[in-house]
């Protein structure tokens, strides 16, 4: 049980949650403005667009955090 809690504490910070929320909001805004009229299966579904925004938000913050940690270790 504690291994699972350690995993979530290590891999999901408040920055990840904020970035995922922003990603979802921006992807749904994009869907509302342009994507709902597309023939692409990803752009046509608001749920898939929200999941895409969730993933992109997490990945971007994770990349920024890991590069920041690497630069701090090098200094």
Protein backbone atom coordinates (compact mmCIF):
# COMPACT_ATOMS: atom_id res chain seq x y z
CA UNK A 1 0.00 0.00 0.00
CA UNK A 2 2.77 2.47 0.82
CA UNK A 3 4.54 1.72 -2.47
CA UNK A 4 1.46 2.90 -4.31
CA UNK A 5 1.27 6.11 -2.25
CA UNK A 6 4.97 6.78 -2.80
CA UNK A 7 4.46 6.36 -6.55
CA UNK A 8 1.66 8.95 -6.64
CA UNK A 9 3.53 11.40 -4.41
CA UNK A 10 6.63 11.14 -6.60
CA UNK A 11 4.91 11.33 -9.99
CA UNK A 12 1.92 13.63 -9.39
CA UNK A 13 2.58 17.04 -7.90
CA UNK A 14 0.37 20.10 -7.75
CA UNK A 15 2.12 21.42 -10.86
CA UNK A 16 1.07 18.33 -12.77
CA UNK A 17 -2.55 18.76 -11.68
CA UNK A 18 -2.61 22.43 -12.70
CA UNK A 19 -0.97 21.69 -16.05
CA UNK A 20 -3.41 18.86 -16.75
CA UNK A 21 -6.38 21.11 -15.93
CA UNK A 22 -5.04 23.83 -18.24
CA UNK A 23 -4.43 21.23 -20.95
CA UNK A 24 -8.01 19.98 -20.68
CA UNK A 25 -9.41 23.51 -20.78
CA UNK A 26 -7.34 24.51 -23.80
CA UNK A 27 -8.12 21.32 -25.69
CA UNK A 28 -11.86 21.74 -25.07
CA UNK A 29 -11.62 25.36 -26.17
CA UNK A 30 -9.93 24.21 -29.36
CA UNK A 31 -12.61 21.57 -29.87
CA UNK A 32 -15.33 24.18 -29.43
CA UNK A 33 -13.76 26.63 -31.86
CA UNK A 34 -12.51 24.33 -34.63
CA UNK A 35 -12.36 20.66 -33.81
CA UNK A 36 -16.03 19.74 -33.70
CA UNK A 37 -16.34 20.32 -37.45
CA UNK A 38 -13.34 18.15 -38.30
CA UNK A 39 -13.40 14.70 -39.87
CA UNK A 40 -10.49 13.58 -37.69
CA UNK A 41 -11.65 11.12 -35.00
CA UNK A 42 -9.49 12.73 -32.28
CA UNK A 43 -10.68 16.25 -33.02
CA UNK A 44 -14.33 15.26 -33.40
CA UNK A 45 -14.81 13.89 -29.87
CA UNK A 46 -14.61 16.29 -26.90
CA UNK A 47 -13.75 13.40 -24.56
CA UNK A 48 -10.78 12.34 -26.67
CA UNK A 49 -9.64 15.95 -26.93
CA UNK A 50 -9.87 16.30 -23.14
CA UNK A 51 -7.79 13.14 -22.66
CA UNK A 52 -5.26 14.45 -25.18
CA UNK A 53 -5.01 17.75 -23.27
CA UNK A 54 -4.62 15.84 -20.00
CA UNK A 55 -1.73 13.81 -21.39
CA UNK A 56 -0.01 16.78 -23.01
CA UNK A 57 -0.29 18.85 -19.81
CA UNK A 58 1.28 16.08 -17.73
CA UNK A 59 4.08 15.40 -20.21
CA UNK A 60 5.02 19.08 -20.62
CA UNK A 61 5.27 19.72 -16.88
CA UNK A 62 7.18 16.49 -16.40
CA UNK A 63 9.70 17.53 -19.07
CA UNK A 64 10.12 20.99 -17.56
CA UNK A 65 10.53 19.55 -14.06
CA UNK A 66 13.08 16.95 -15.12
CA UNK A 67 15.15 19.45 -17.12
CA UNK A 68 15.10 21.86 -14.15
CA UNK A 69 16.28 19.06 -11.82
CA UNK A 70 19.08 18.14 -14.24
CA UNK A 71 20.29 21.73 -14.51
CA UNK A 72 20.30 22.07 -10.71
CA UNK A 73 22.37 18.89 -10.37
CA UNK A 74 24.90 20.13 -12.94
CA UNK A 75 25.49 23.40 -11.10
